[in-house]
Structures are given as C-alpha cells and as structure tokens.
C-alpha cells in the first residue's frame, strides 16, 4: 500500500510541471495566430483574456495525455537512477504489482477526459467561434479591407485606402432598395458602429450615385452629393444560424453528435428508398438511369434522381465526419492509459531522471501518435477508412508496442542507458571500453 501510494505521489509534481510546459508551448502557437488580430483590432485586455481562456480547453485536450507520458517516464526514470527500483525488486516485489493506484488514477482521469472532450470542450469551441465572429465587428473600420470587395448584407463595399479615421476612394453597390443595384462613388467616407455593433453607419463625402429606374428600366439617372449616409443594419442576424442553430462537428456535445448521426442516417435510408423507386419507374418506362431523353415526365424523374443521389453523397460525407469526431474524442481520452503503459517501461529502460530526455522521448511518441491520428482522420473523412478503425488504430498499435516494452522491462532489458552512453562518450579518446560497475549499476 505504501509503495502504491508512493509511486502515485511521484507522478503528481512531474505531471503538473509537464502540463504547464506543454500547454504553454501549444499556447505560443495560438499567440502567433492571434497577435495580428489583436494588433489590428486593438482589443481590450478583457477580450484578449477571454479569447485565450476559451482556447485553453482545446490545448488541454492535447497537453494532458502528453503530460501524463512525460510524468510517467520522468517518475520511473528517476526511481531507476536513484536505485529505488532495484530496492523494490530486491525485496521480491514486482514493480508492476505496485501500479494499482496509478492505473486507478489513470482510469479516473480517462473518464474525466471523456466528459471533457464530449461535453465541456464542444461548448467552449462554440463560444470561441461566436466570440471570434463578434471580434470581427469590434472595430468597424477594420471590417472593410482596402483593395477588396467586402460583402455586408445587401451591400458590397470597396475602398482604395482604409485608415483608422476614414476611407478613401469608396465604391458601394447597394442592392437594398431595388432589383437594380445603385452604384455609389465617393472621395472619402467614415464608418461608425450602431446598435451595439449590430449595425454600421457609413457617411460618404463628395460623391456620385448612379441608378436605373425600376419602373422604367430604360431610364438612367446620376446625382452628385456632398454627404450621403448608408446604414447597414441587422449584421448580427446574418450570423444567427452559426450562433444558435448550427454547430460544426467539433462544437457538438455527445448527445448532439449522436442525434445528428441518427437524423442523417435516417434521411439517407429514406433517400435510398426514393432512389430505388425512381430507378424502378425509369426501368418500367424502358429507359436506362444513364439516359436523359424521353417525355417531360421522364426528364423530371431524372432530375429528381440526380438530386436524391447528390443529397445522399452529401449526407454520407457529413455523417462520416461526425462519426470520425465521435471516435476521435474517445480515442484521445483512452490514450492516457496507453501512454502510462508505454511510459512505465520506457522510464525503467532508459534510466534517466532528466526532464529534457523525458520531454524528447515523449514529444517523438506523441508526434507520431498525433500525426497518425490526423492522417486517419483525413482518410476517414474522405470515406477511405472506417471511422472507428481510423481513430482507434493508433491506440491499438501503441498498445501492442507498450506490451512489448513491458515484456522487455520485465526481462531487464535496457532501451537506452544514458549513464553508460555519457561514460563512453567521455572516455572514447582514452580508449576505455569496459564500463565500471558503479556506472552500470
């Protein structure tokens, strides 16, 4: 009992240190991505903190499994270097029989990560996306990029130059009032925010407006102005489907992703029955499904058949992506147990207490694991591999590797002994080949 508690205790400090370091490294990448946005929008400190806090859960989903691997290698490597493992073995105790508390903690953490990945993380991803949409409209002058056509509701805005104070050489296509868009040219203009950011007010100076008469399209009219105001309203309504009704697969909780899969599967089955019925109707008329001639009714059936088949392909692609995301969240959670199985024998066989070595080995293992996971995800999204196999294959392969490593550690094999390696490097010029016992043991 004392040994079991001691081994678990030895993992606590390395785990939190590793988690802090790995999360910080991942967060730096996020900082680089967001720094241009922060400078451009001149975001206040509160919004910047909120962006990073909502980005943190995604980082933790990756950093927690890696921190577990680092902590395990580090803890058992230190115990090997300090001869604690030798002392345990000399007492007739199998080191793997002392891992009960560690495995129990790993199982509990795996369960916590399942909840985290399937419930907490999707909601924070959704909130982060909504926040990024709002940030896009935080500084109204930055919405309109110079030299590009910017679509805002029923308006298309172009400008030659955009400073913090005004727009220059402004061109606006206004489709809000008639089926013939008005074209507005202005020497300069200024953008201001209204209604809490849901509307923009563009004040144009010294310009010309060109428009056709909707009642008499043959008539054309142009008029000049010193000042003209364009109000672009209900900007937030254009994002309502994203903020409330629509969630991507990474923003769906466990119940939502299961329900979405069931709904799309049911729709696919109905469409397949419809396709069979339409094909039978064509065969009854003596026509092939690849032919597009005949009566108007037959052409209508061909059109309905093509629409149904296109919709089936679209739904199958979406369903495949949903299943991939579903299994990916489980696979990443259970990777914690796999990494402990790998970390224990690696720590015993490498015999190093250095954090640099532990991070190096862990980084290589996790990089291979994550690259394999991403490759499987891409192949599964394209329909080349079953979603379950694509997401769990890495876990199965690393489980087999872990079993071989455990077998090797039980047989007292050494994967890499840094003390012997360092001794050989230092004594290479002296021509010494026999390693002293105090270095070996």
Foldseek 3Di string as FASTA:
>chain_A
DVLLVVLQVQLPVQLVVQLVVQLVVVVVVVCVVCVVLCVLLVDDPVLVVLLSVLVSLVSCLQSNLLSLLLSLLQSLLVCQLVCVVVVCVVVVHDPVVSNPNVLVVLVVQLVVLLCSQFPVNLQSVLVSVVSVVLSCQSQVLNVADEPDFHDQPQKTKYANDGDSAKTAFIWMFGCPPANWTKIKTAGMWGWDAPDSRQKIKIKGAWIKIKTADRVDRVDIDMDTDGIDIDMRGRRVVVCVCSNPVDGALSNHHPVRLVVLLVVLVVLLVVLVVVLVVLQVVCVVVVHHLPDQDDDPVNNVSNVSNVVSVVSNVVSVLRSLLSLLSSLQSSLSSCSSSLSSLQSNLSSNQANHNDSVVSSVVSVVLSVVLVVQLVVLSVCSSVVNDRSNCSNCVSVVVSNVVSVVSVVCVVVVHHPHYVLVVVVCVVCVVVVDDDDDPVSVD
